[in-house]
Amino acid sequence: MKIIWTRHAKERQKEWERILGISREQVENVLKNPEQIVAGYRNVLIAQTRWRNGLLRVPFMETEEELKIVTIYWTSKVEKYWR
């Protein structure tokens, strides 16, 4: 399945790479092999994986042919988001 990056997702990934070393490949791996997928707002799903005492979260939209990454972020609030 094709992975599409929004401009916003690219910018956020670059920021998180500078802060925590989160690479583009790591983000795509979370999307392809998440520990969990939870519902977000409207048609957005969130792939998430525990990483560095927190969660790496990748909100995305899915069609039959592609996964579109909306943004990415890391949070320490595991209890809030883990289902």
PDB file of N, CA and C in Angstrom:
ATOM      1  N   MET A   1       0.843  -1.181   0.000  1.00  0.00           N
ATOM      2  CA  MET A   1       0.000   0.000   0.000  1.00  0.00           C
ATOM      3  C   MET A   1       0.892   1.250   0.000  1.00  0.00           C
ATOM      4  N   LYS A   2       0.516   2.212  -0.794  1.00  0.00           N
ATOM      5  CA  LYS A   2       1.286   3.441  -0.945  1.00  0.00           C
ATOM      6  C   LYS A   2       1.119   4.346   0.283  1.00  0.00           C
ATOM      7  N   ILE A   3       2.221   4.950   0.736  1.00  0.00           N
ATOM      8  CA  ILE A   3       2.182   5.876   1.873  1.00  0.00           C
ATOM      9  C   ILE A   3       2.400   7.288   1.361  1.00  0.00           C
ATOM     10  N   ILE A   4       1.468   8.182   1.695  1.00  0.00           N
ATOM     11  CA  ILE A   4       1.531   9.586   1.306  1.00  0.00           C
ATOM     12  C   ILE A   4       1.807  10.415   2.556  1.00  0.00           C
ATOM     13  N   TRP A   5       2.738  11.339   2.461  1.00  0.00           N
ATOM     14  CA  TRP A   5       3.064  12.258   3.560  1.00  0.00           C
ATOM     15  C   TRP A   5       2.487  13.628   3.246  1.00  0.00           C
ATOM     16  N   THR A   6       1.709  14.195   4.159  1.00  0.00           N
ATOM     17  CA  THR A   6       1.275  15.579   3.993  1.00  0.00           C
ATOM     18  C   THR A   6       2.465  16.487   4.296  1.00  0.00           C
ATOM     19  N   ARG A   7       2.385  17.707   3.854  1.00  0.00           N
ATOM     20  CA  ARG A   7       3.448  18.677   4.143  1.00  0.00           C
ATOM     21  C   ARG A   7       3.617  18.826   5.660  1.00  0.00           C
ATOM     22  N   HIS A   8       2.494  18.905   6.366  1.00  0.00           N
ATOM     23  CA  HIS A   8       2.534  19.047   7.823  1.00  0.00           C
ATOM     24  C   HIS A   8       3.256  17.856   8.465  1.00  0.00           C
ATOM     25  N   ALA A   9       2.935  16.641   8.015  1.00  0.00           N
ATOM     26  CA  ALA A   9       3.575  15.446   8.579  1.00  0.00           C
ATOM     27  C   ALA A   9       5.084  15.474   8.340  1.00  0.00           C
ATOM     28  N   LYS A  10       5.502  15.907   7.163  1.00  0.00           N
ATOM     29  CA  LYS A  10       6.943  16.008   6.868  1.00  0.00           C
ATOM     30  C   LYS A  10       7.628  16.996   7.806  1.00  0.00           C
ATOM     31  N   GLU A  11       6.973  18.138   8.022  1.00  0.00           N
ATOM     32  CA  GLU A  11       7.544  19.157   8.910  1.00  0.00           C
ATOM     33  C   GLU A  11       7.633  18.651  10.342  1.00  0.00           C
ATOM     34  N   ARG A  12       6.579  18.001  10.817  1.00  0.00           N
ATOM     35  CA  ARG A  12       6.575  17.482  12.197  1.00  0.00           C
ATOM     36  C   ARG A  12       7.626  16.392  12.370  1.00  0.00           C
ATOM     37  N   GLN A  13       7.781  15.531  11.363  1.00  0.00           N
ATOM     38  CA  GLN A  13       8.780  14.470  11.452  1.00  0.00           C
ATOM     39  C   GLN A  13      10.170  15.073  11.577  1.00  0.00           C
ATOM     40  N   LYS A  14      10.446  16.111  10.821  1.00  0.00           N
ATOM     41  CA  LYS A  14      11.755  16.760  10.906  1.00  0.00           C
ATOM     42  C   LYS A  14      11.990  17.353  12.294  1.00  0.00           C
ATOM     43  N   GLU A  15      10.943  17.955  12.867  1.00  0.00           N
ATOM     44  CA  GLU A  15      11.071  18.503  14.226  1.00  0.00           C
ATOM     45  C   GLU A  15      11.332  17.406  15.245  1.00  0.00           C
ATOM     46  N   TRP A  16      10.568  16.304  15.162  1.00  0.00           N
ATOM     47  CA  TRP A  16      10.743  15.206  16.107  1.00  0.00           C
ATOM     48  C   TRP A  16      12.068  14.469  15.885  1.00  0.00           C
ATOM     49  N   GLU A  17      12.564  14.475  14.664  1.00  0.00           N
ATOM     50  CA  GLU A  17      13.878  13.873  14.423  1.00  0.00           C
ATOM     51  C   GLU A  17      14.951  14.677  15.144  1.00  0.00           C
ATOM     52  N   ARG A  18      14.821  15.992  15.099  1.00  0.00           N
ATOM     53  CA  ARG A  18      15.779  16.866  15.791  1.00  0.00           C
ATOM     54  C   ARG A  18      15.684  16.684  17.307  1.00  0.00           C
ATOM     55  N   ILE A  19      14.469  16.539  17.827  1.00  0.00           N
ATOM     56  CA  ILE A  19      14.256  16.459  19.278  1.00  0.00           C
ATOM     57  C   ILE A  19      14.570  15.065  19.835  1.00  0.00           C
ATOM     58  N   LEU A  20      14.007  14.015  19.195  1.00  0.00           N
ATOM     59  CA  LEU A  20      14.130  12.657  19.734  1.00  0.00           C
ATOM     60  C   LEU A  20      14.744  11.638  18.783  1.00  0.00           C
ATOM     61  N   GLY A  21      15.116  12.067  17.595  1.00  0.00           N
ATOM     62  CA  GLY A  21      15.730  11.133  16.654  1.00  0.00           C
ATOM     63  C   GLY A  21      14.739  10.241  15.926  1.00  0.00           C
ATOM     64  N   ILE A  22      13.494  10.682  15.787  1.00  0.00           N
ATOM     65  CA  ILE A  22      12.470   9.879  15.114  1.00  0.00           C
ATOM     66  C   ILE A  22      12.648  10.027  13.596  1.00  0.00           C
ATOM     67  N   SER A  23      13.002   8.926  12.947  1.00  0.00           N
ATOM     68  CA  SER A  23      13.271   8.955  11.510  1.00  0.00           C
ATOM     69  C   SER A  23      11.994   8.733  10.690  1.00  0.00           C
ATOM     70  N   ARG A  24      12.086   9.082   9.435  1.00  0.00           N
ATOM     71  CA  ARG A  24      10.975   8.854   8.502  1.00  0.00           C
ATOM     72  C   ARG A  24      10.662   7.351   8.421  1.00  0.00           C
ATOM     73  N   GLU A  25      11.700   6.526   8.380  1.00  0.00           N
ATOM     74  CA  GLU A  25      11.522   5.075   8.324  1.00  0.00           C
ATOM     75  C   GLU A  25      10.812   4.548   9.567  1.00  0.00           C
ATOM     76  N   GLN A  26      11.145   5.098  10.719  1.00  0.00           N
ATOM     77  CA  GLN A  26      10.509   4.684  11.968  1.00  0.00           C
ATOM     78  C   GLN A  26       9.023   5.011  11.938  1.00  0.00           C
ATOM     79  N   VAL A  27       8.668   6.180  11.435  1.00  0.00           N
ATOM     80  CA  VAL A  27       7.261   6.577  11.333  1.00  0.00           C
ATOM     81  C   VAL A  27       6.515   5.621  10.411  1.00  0.00           C
ATOM     82  N   GLU A  28       7.101   5.309   9.267  1.00  0.00           N
ATOM     83  CA  GLU A  28       6.447   4.395   8.332  1.00  0.00           C
ATOM     84  C   GLU A  28       6.334   2.996   8.915  1.00  0.00           C
ATOM     85  N   ASN A  29       7.306   2.586   9.726  1.00  0.00           N
ATOM     86  CA  ASN A  29       7.237   1.279  10.380  1.00  0.00           C
ATOM     87  C   ASN A  29       6.097   1.232  11.389  1.00  0.00           C
ATOM     88  N   VAL A  30       5.881   2.319  12.123  1.00  0.00           N
ATOM     89  CA  VAL A  30       4.752   2.374  13.062  1.00  0.00           C
ATOM     90  C   VAL A  30       3.445   2.261  12.286  1.00  0.00           C
ATOM     91  N   LEU A  31       3.375   2.908  11.143  1.00  0.00           N
ATOM     92  CA  LEU A  31       2.181   2.853  10.323  1.00  0.00           C
ATOM     93  C   LEU A  31       1.930   1.441   9.784  1.00  0.00           C
ATOM     94  N   LYS A  32       2.991   0.754   9.377  1.00  0.00           N
ATOM     95  CA  LYS A  32       2.860  -0.587   8.810  1.00  0.00           C
ATOM     96  C   LYS A  32       2.694  -1.667   9.874  1.00  0.00           C
ATOM     97  N   ASN A  33       3.303  -1.473  11.051  1.00  0.00           N
ATOM     98  CA  ASN A  33       3.301  -2.495  12.104  1.00  0.00           C
ATOM     99  C   ASN A  33       3.021  -1.884  13.476  1.00  0.00           C
ATOM    100  N   PRO A  34       1.858  -1.265  13.662  1.00  0.00           N
ATOM    101  CA  PRO A  34       1.585  -0.619  14.953  1.00  0.00           C
ATOM    102  C   PRO A  34       1.270  -1.637  16.042  1.00  0.00           C
ATOM    103  N   GLU A  35       1.535  -1.269  17.280  1.00  0.00           N
ATOM    104  CA  GLU A  35       1.076  -2.096  18.393  1.00  0.00           C
ATOM    105  C   GLU A  35      -0.433  -1.952  18.531  1.00  0.00           C
ATOM    106  N   GLN A  36      -0.942  -0.778  18.183  1.00  0.00           N
ATOM    107  CA  GLN A  36      -2.381  -0.500  18.275  1.00  0.00           C
ATOM    108  C   GLN A  36      -2.791   0.486  17.197  1.00  0.00           C
ATOM    109  N   ILE A  37      -4.058   0.386  16.795  1.00  0.00           N
ATOM    110  CA  ILE A  37      -4.688   1.416  15.982  1.00  0.00           C
ATOM    111  C   ILE A  37      -5.957   1.815  16.720  1.00  0.00           C
ATOM    112  N   VAL A  38      -6.101   3.110  16.987  1.00  0.00           N
ATOM    113  CA  VAL A  38      -7.280   3.621  17.693  1.00  0.00           C
ATOM    114  C   VAL A  38      -7.962   4.669  16.815  1.00  0.00           C
ATOM    115  N   ALA A  39      -9.230   4.882  17.072  1.00  0.00           N
ATOM    116  CA  ALA A  39      -9.998   5.870  16.313  1.00  0.00           C
ATOM    117  C   ALA A  39      -9.623   7.276  16.754  1.00  0.00           C
ATOM    118  N   GLY A  40      -9.523   8.158  15.785  1.00  0.00           N
ATOM    119  CA  GLY A  40      -9.300   9.572  16.052  1.00  0.00           C
ATOM    120  C   GLY A  40     -10.557  10.330  15.687  1.00  0.00           C
ATOM    121  N   TYR A  41     -10.439  11.582  15.323  1.00  0.00           N
ATOM    122  CA  TYR A  41     -11.570  12.393  14.925  1.00  0.00           C
ATOM    123  C   TYR A  41     -11.951  12.116  13.481  1.00  0.00           C
ATOM    124  N   ARG A  42     -13.234  12.114  13.223  1.00  0.00           N
ATOM    125  CA  ARG A  42     -13.788  11.904  11.884  1.00  0.00           C
ATOM    126  C   ARG A  42     -13.245  10.634  11.260  1.00  0.00           C
ATOM    127  N   ASN A  43     -12.593  10.717  10.122  1.00  0.00           N
ATOM    128  CA  ASN A  43     -12.091   9.521   9.423  1.00  0.00           C
ATOM    129  C   ASN A  43     -10.635   9.216   9.725  1.00  0.00           C
ATOM    130  N   VAL A  44     -10.088   9.829  10.753  1.00  0.00           N
ATOM    131  CA  VAL A  44      -8.668   9.640  11.067  1.00  0.00           C
ATOM    132  C   VAL A  44      -8.497   8.477  12.038  1.00  0.00           C
ATOM    133  N   LEU A  45      -7.533   7.615  11.722  1.00  0.00           N
ATOM    134  CA  LEU A  45      -7.116   6.543  12.618  1.00  0.00           C
ATOM    135  C   LEU A  45      -5.736   6.907  13.143  1.00  0.00           C
ATOM    136  N   ILE A  46      -5.369   6.327  14.282  1.00  0.00           N
ATOM    137  CA  ILE A  46      -4.053   6.638  14.861  1.00  0.00           C
ATOM    138  C   ILE A  46      -3.308   5.335  15.123  1.00  0.00           C
ATOM    139  N   ALA A  47      -2.209   5.148  14.405  1.00  0.00           N
ATOM    140  CA  ALA A  47      -1.316   4.021  14.656  1.00  0.00           C
ATOM    141  C   ALA A  47      -0.384   4.449  15.779  1.00  0.00           C
ATOM    142  N   GLN A  48      -0.205   3.584  16.766  1.00  0.00           N
ATOM    143  CA  GLN A  48       0.672   3.960  17.876  1.00  0.00           C
ATOM    144  C   GLN A  48       1.477   2.765  18.366  1.00  0.00           C
ATOM    145  N   THR A  49       2.672   3.099  18.847  1.00  0.00           N
ATOM    146  CA  THR A  49       3.608   2.114  19.369  1.00  0.00           C
ATOM    147  C   THR A  49       4.308   2.716  20.572  1.00  0.00           C
ATOM    148  N   ARG A  50       4.499   1.905  21.606  1.00  0.00           N
ATOM    149  CA  ARG A  50       5.235   2.374  22.780  1.00  0.00           C
ATOM    150  C   ARG A  50       6.703   2.533  22.417  1.00  0.00           C
ATOM    151  N   TRP A  51       7.278   3.668  22.823  1.00  0.00           N
ATOM    152  CA  TRP A  51       8.666   3.965  22.487  1.00  0.00           C
ATOM    153  C   TRP A  51       9.204   4.995  23.468  1.00  0.00           C
ATOM    154  N   ARG A  52      10.375   4.724  24.038  1.00  0.00           N
ATOM    155  CA  ARG A  52      11.053   5.635  24.976  1.00  0.00           C
ATOM    156  C   ARG A  52      10.145   6.126  26.101  1.00  0.00           C
ATOM    157  N   ASN A  53       9.542   5.211  26.827  1.00  0.00           N
ATOM    158  CA  ASN A  53       8.656   5.547  27.954  1.00  0.00           C
ATOM    159  C   ASN A  53       7.493   6.436  27.547  1.00  0.00           C
ATOM    160  N   GLY A  54       7.051   6.316  26.327  1.00  0.00           N
ATOM    161  CA  GLY A  54       5.909   7.087  25.834  1.00  0.00           C
ATOM    162  C   GLY A  54       5.305   6.399  24.630  1.00  0.00           C
ATOM    163  N   LEU A  55       4.585   7.169  23.833  1.00  0.00           N
ATOM    164  CA  LEU A  55       3.950   6.645  22.627  1.00  0.00           C
ATOM    165  C   LEU A  55       4.362   7.469  21.418  1.00  0.00           C
ATOM    166  N   LEU A  56       4.690   6.775  20.350  1.00  0.00           N
ATOM    167  CA  LEU A  56       4.863   7.416  19.058  1.00  0.00           C
ATOM    168  C   LEU A  56       3.535   7.217  18.336  1.00  0.00           C
ATOM    169  N   ARG A  57       2.863   8.324  18.030  1.00  0.00           N
ATOM    170  CA  ARG A  57       1.518   8.274  17.443  1.00  0.00           C
ATOM    171  C   ARG A  57       1.554   8.845  16.026  1.00  0.00           C
ATOM    172  N   VAL A  58       0.891   8.130  15.109  1.00  0.00           N
ATOM    173  CA  VAL A  58       0.862   8.521  13.703  1.00  0.00           C
ATOM    174  C   VAL A  58      -0.589   8.565  13.227  1.00  0.00           C
ATOM    175  N   PRO A  59      -1.243   9.719  13.315  1.00  0.00           N
ATOM    176  CA  PRO A  59      -2.598   9.853  12.780  1.00  0.00           C
ATOM    177  C   PRO A  59      -2.557   9.766  11.249  1.00  0.00           C
ATOM    178  N   PHE A  60      -3.493   8.987  10.684  1.00  0.00           N
ATOM    179  CA  PHE A  60      -3.513   8.781   9.238  1.00  0.00           C
ATOM    180  C   PHE A  60      -4.933   8.552   8.736  1.00  0.00           C
ATOM    181  N   MET A  61      -5.089   8.694   7.426  1.00  0.00           N
ATOM    182  CA  MET A  61      -6.350   8.399   6.756  1.00  0.00           C
ATOM    183  C   MET A  61      -6.073   7.268   5.772  1.00  0.00           C
ATOM    184  N   GLU A  62      -7.035   6.359   5.629  1.00  0.00           N
ATOM    185  CA  GLU A  62      -6.840   5.184   4.795  1.00  0.00           C
ATOM    186  C   GLU A  62      -7.867   5.137   3.668  1.00  0.00           C
ATOM    187  N   THR A  63      -7.388   4.840   2.471  1.00  0.00           N
ATOM    188  CA  THR A  63      -8.272   4.551   1.345  1.00  0.00           C
ATOM    189  C   THR A  63      -7.918   3.138   0.877  1.00  0.00           C
ATOM    190  N   GLU A  64      -8.550   2.688  -0.168  1.00  0.00           N
ATOM    191  CA  GLU A  64      -8.251   1.349  -0.684  1.00  0.00           C
ATOM    192  C   GLU A  64      -6.821   1.241  -1.194  1.00  0.00           C
ATOM    193  N   GLU A  65      -6.264   2.352  -1.664  1.00  0.00           N
ATOM    194  CA  GLU A  65      -4.961   2.307  -2.304  1.00  0.00           C
ATOM    195  C   GLU A  65      -3.826   2.955  -1.542  1.00  0.00           C
ATOM    196  N   GLU A  66      -4.143   3.777  -0.506  1.00  0.00           N
ATOM    197  CA  GLU A  66      -3.067   4.504   0.159  1.00  0.00           C
ATOM    198  C   GLU A  66      -3.355   4.796   1.625  1.00  0.00           C
ATOM    199  N   LEU A  67      -2.260   5.065   2.337  1.00  0.00           N
ATOM    200  CA  LEU A  67      -2.313   5.550   3.712  1.00  0.00           C
ATOM    201  C   LEU A  67      -1.729   6.956   3.679  1.00  0.00           C
ATOM    202  N   LYS A  68      -2.490   7.927   4.167  1.00  0.00           N
ATOM    203  CA  LYS A  68      -2.059   9.322   4.140  1.00  0.00           C
ATOM    204  C   LYS A  68      -1.741   9.763   5.564  1.00  0.00           C
ATOM    205  N   ILE A  69      -0.462  10.043   5.832  1.00  0.00           N
ATOM    206  CA  ILE A  69      -0.025  10.461   7.165  1.00  0.00           C
ATOM    207  C   ILE A  69      -0.414  11.919   7.358  1.00  0.00           C
ATOM    208  N   VAL A  70      -1.213  12.175   8.396  1.00  0.00           N
ATOM    209  CA  VAL A  70      -1.690  13.527   8.687  1.00  0.00           C
ATOM    210  C   VAL A  70      -0.650  14.300   9.497  1.00  0.00           C
ATOM    211  N   THR A  71      -0.097  13.665  10.519  1.00  0.00           N
ATOM    212  CA  THR A  71       0.927  14.266  11.371  1.00  0.00           C
ATOM    213  C   THR A  71       1.603  13.148  12.144  1.00  0.00           C
ATOM    214  N   ILE A  72       2.597  13.484  12.947  1.00  0.00           N
ATOM    215  CA  ILE A  72       3.203  12.518  13.861  1.00  0.00           C
ATOM    216  C   ILE A  72       3.557  13.250  15.146  1.00  0.00           C
ATOM    217  N   TYR A  73       3.540  12.515  16.243  1.00  0.00           N
ATOM    218  CA  TYR A  73       4.026  13.102  17.490  1.00  0.00           C
ATOM    219  C   TYR A  73       4.315  12.020  18.514  1.00  0.00           C
ATOM    220  N   TRP A  74       5.123  12.387  19.485  1.00  0.00           N
ATOM    221  CA  TRP A  74       5.447  11.535  20.619  1.00  0.00           C
ATOM    222  C   TRP A  74       4.811  12.160  21.844  1.00  0.00           C
ATOM    223  N   THR A  75       4.295  11.309  22.743  1.00  0.00           N
ATOM    224  CA  THR A  75       3.723  11.789  23.996  1.00  0.00           C
ATOM    225  C   THR A  75       4.118  10.865  25.133  1.00  0.00           C
ATOM    226  N   SER A  76       4.239  11.436  26.315  1.00  0.00           N
ATOM    227  CA  SER A  76       4.532  10.632  27.507  1.00  0.00           C
ATOM    228  C   SER A  76       3.236  10.149  28.168  1.00  0.00           C
ATOM    229  N   LYS A  77       2.085  10.569  27.664  1.00  0.00           N
ATOM    230  CA  LYS A  77       0.789  10.251  28.280  1.00  0.00           C
ATOM    231  C   LYS A  77       0.237   8.912  27.800  1.00  0.00           C
ATOM    232  N   VAL A  78       0.971   7.846  28.109  1.00  0.00           N
ATOM    233  CA  VAL A  78       0.591   6.506  27.671  1.00  0.00           C
ATOM    234  C   VAL A  78      -0.785   6.127  28.209  1.00  0.00           C
ATOM    235  N   GLU A  79      -1.030   6.369  29.493  1.00  0.00           N
ATOM    236  CA  GLU A  79      -2.298   5.969  30.113  1.00  0.00           C
ATOM    237  C   GLU A  79      -3.495   6.647  29.449  1.00  0.00           C
ATOM    238  N   LYS A  80      -3.305   7.862  28.969  1.00  0.00           N
ATOM    239  CA  LYS A  80      -4.394   8.606  28.341  1.00  0.00           C
ATOM    240  C   LYS A  80      -4.796   8.022  26.998  1.00  0.00           C
ATOM    241  N   TYR A  81      -3.823   7.541  26.216  1.00  0.00           N
ATOM    242  CA  TYR A  81      -4.090   7.138  24.846  1.00  0.00           C
ATOM    243  C   TYR A  81      -4.086   5.638  24.587  1.00  0.00           C
ATOM    244  N   TRP A  82      -3.465   4.852  25.476  1.00  0.00           N
ATOM    245  CA  TRP A  82      -3.375   3.403  25.240  1.00  0.00           C
ATOM    246  C   TRP A  82      -4.718   2.771  25.555  1.00  0.00           C
ATOM    247  N   ARG A  83      -5.199   1.942  24.669  1.00  0.00           N
ATOM    248  CA  ARG A  83      -6.506   1.263  24.865  1.00  0.00           C
ATOM    249  C   ARG A  83      -6.313  -0.194  25.148  1.00  0.00           C
TER     250      ARG A  83
END
